[in-house]
C-alpha atoms as a PDB file:
ATOM      1  CA  MET A   1      64.298 215.943  82.235  1.00  0.00           C
ATOM      2  CA  ALA A   2      64.803 212.684  84.001  1.00  0.00           C
ATOM      3  CA  ASN A   3      68.372 211.585  84.526  1.00  0.00           C
ATOM      4  CA  LYS A   4      68.554 208.275  82.640  1.00  0.00           C
ATOM      5  CA  LYS A   5      71.192 205.789  83.655  1.00  0.00           C
ATOM      6  CA  LYS A   6      72.974 203.825  80.987  1.00  0.00           C
ATOM      7  CA  ALA A   7      72.057 200.137  81.004  1.00  0.00           C
ATOM      8  CA  VAL A   8      74.868 197.827  82.081  1.00  0.00           C
ATOM      9  CA  VAL A   9      75.744 195.337  79.376  1.00  0.00           C
ATOM     10  CA  ARG A  10      77.691 192.336  80.587  1.00  0.00           C
ATOM     11  CA  ARG A  11      79.767 190.226  78.236  1.00  0.00           C
ATOM     12  CA  GLU A  12      80.789 186.681  79.015  1.00  0.00           C
ATOM     13  CA  TRP A  13      84.510 185.931  78.971  1.00  0.00           C
ATOM     14  CA  THR A  14      85.454 183.871  75.942  1.00  0.00           C
ATOM     15  CA  ALA A  15      88.112 181.156  75.973  1.00  0.00           C
ATOM     16  CA  THR A  16      90.221 183.339  73.673  1.00  0.00           C
ATOM     17  CA  GLU A  17      90.072 186.281  76.093  1.00  0.00           C
ATOM     18  CA  VAL A  18      91.031 184.062  79.037  1.00  0.00           C
ATOM     19  CA  HIS A  19      93.948 182.637  77.026  1.00  0.00           C
ATOM     20  CA  LYS A  20      95.136 186.148  76.142  1.00  0.00           C
ATOM     21  CA  LEU A  21      94.765 187.262  79.776  1.00  0.00           C
ATOM     22  CA  LYS A  22      96.897 184.348  80.981  1.00  0.00           C
ATOM     23  CA  GLY A  23      99.546 184.959  78.316  1.00  0.00           C
ATOM     24  CA  MET A  24      99.860 188.664  79.015  1.00  0.00           C
ATOM     25  CA  ALA A  25      99.952 188.072  82.782  1.00  0.00           C
ATOM     26  CA  LYS A  26     102.765 185.567  82.283  1.00  0.00           C
ATOM     27  CA  LYS A  27     104.709 188.237  80.381  1.00  0.00           C
ATOM     28  CA  LYS A  28     104.130 190.560  83.361  1.00  0.00           C
ATOM     29  CA  ALA A  29     102.085 193.095  81.393  1.00  0.00           C
ATOM     30  CA  GLY A  30     100.327 195.595  83.635  1.00  0.00           C
ATOM     31  CA  VAL A  31      96.628 195.269  84.392  1.00  0.00           C
ATOM     32  CA  ASP A  32      95.973 198.528  82.495  1.00  0.00           C
ATOM     33  CA  LYS A  33      97.617 197.198  79.341  1.00  0.00           C
ATOM     34  CA  ILE A  34      95.799 193.854  79.579  1.00  0.00           C
ATOM     35  CA  ALA A  35      92.434 195.560  80.110  1.00  0.00           C
ATOM     36  CA  ARG A  36      92.968 197.788  77.070  1.00  0.00           C
ATOM     37  CA  ALA A  37      93.971 194.818  74.914  1.00  0.00           C
ATOM     38  CA  LEU A  38      90.841 192.904  75.946  1.00  0.00           C
ATOM     39  CA  LYS A  39      88.565 195.976  75.744  1.00  0.00           C
ATOM     40  CA  ARG A  40      87.538 195.390  79.353  1.00  0.00           C
ATOM     41  CA  THR A  41      87.635 197.598  82.428  1.00  0.00           C
ATOM     42  CA  VAL A  42      90.590 197.358  84.787  1.00  0.00           C
ATOM     43  CA  ALA A  43      88.256 196.162  87.548  1.00  0.00           C
ATOM     44  CA  ALA A  44      86.690 193.435  85.402  1.00  0.00           C
ATOM     45  CA  THR A  45      90.133 192.242  84.326  1.00  0.00           C
ATOM     46  CA  ALA A  46      91.433 192.168  87.897  1.00  0.00           C
ATOM     47  CA  VAL A  47      88.365 190.280  89.152  1.00  0.00           C
ATOM     48  CA  LYS A  48      88.608 187.675  86.393  1.00  0.00           C
ATOM     49  CA  ALA A  49      92.335 187.182  86.993  1.00  0.00           C
ATOM     50  CA  SER A  50      91.683 186.766  90.707  1.00  0.00           C
ATOM     51  CA  SER A  51      88.939 184.215  90.089  1.00  0.00           C
ATOM     52  CA  LEU A  52      91.382 182.260  87.883  1.00  0.00           C
ATOM     53  CA  GLY A  53      94.105 182.492  90.537  1.00  0.00           C
ATOM     54  CA  ILE A  54      96.343 184.664  88.337  1.00  0.00           C
ATOM     55  CA  SER A  55      98.518 187.362  89.880  1.00  0.00           C
ATOM     56  CA  LEU A  56      98.627 190.619  87.911  1.00  0.00           C
ATOM     57  CA  ASP A  57     101.175 193.416  87.916  1.00  0.00           C
ATOM     58  CA  THR A  58      99.186 196.363  89.274  1.00  0.00           C
ATOM     59  CA  ARG A  59     101.849 199.038  88.683  1.00  0.00           C
END
């Protein structure tokens, strides 16, 4: 059997998700907690925060 790779599905960031990301970052929530709340990966959350110039608590 051929080893099939799962197709990568990319979702655009909505204004609501960005607002929630900013709010949680301001409250110093960890990147893990923010990612879970947004149903995003930790890496995707960190990259988006970086592109917005937001510092995240990585502990």
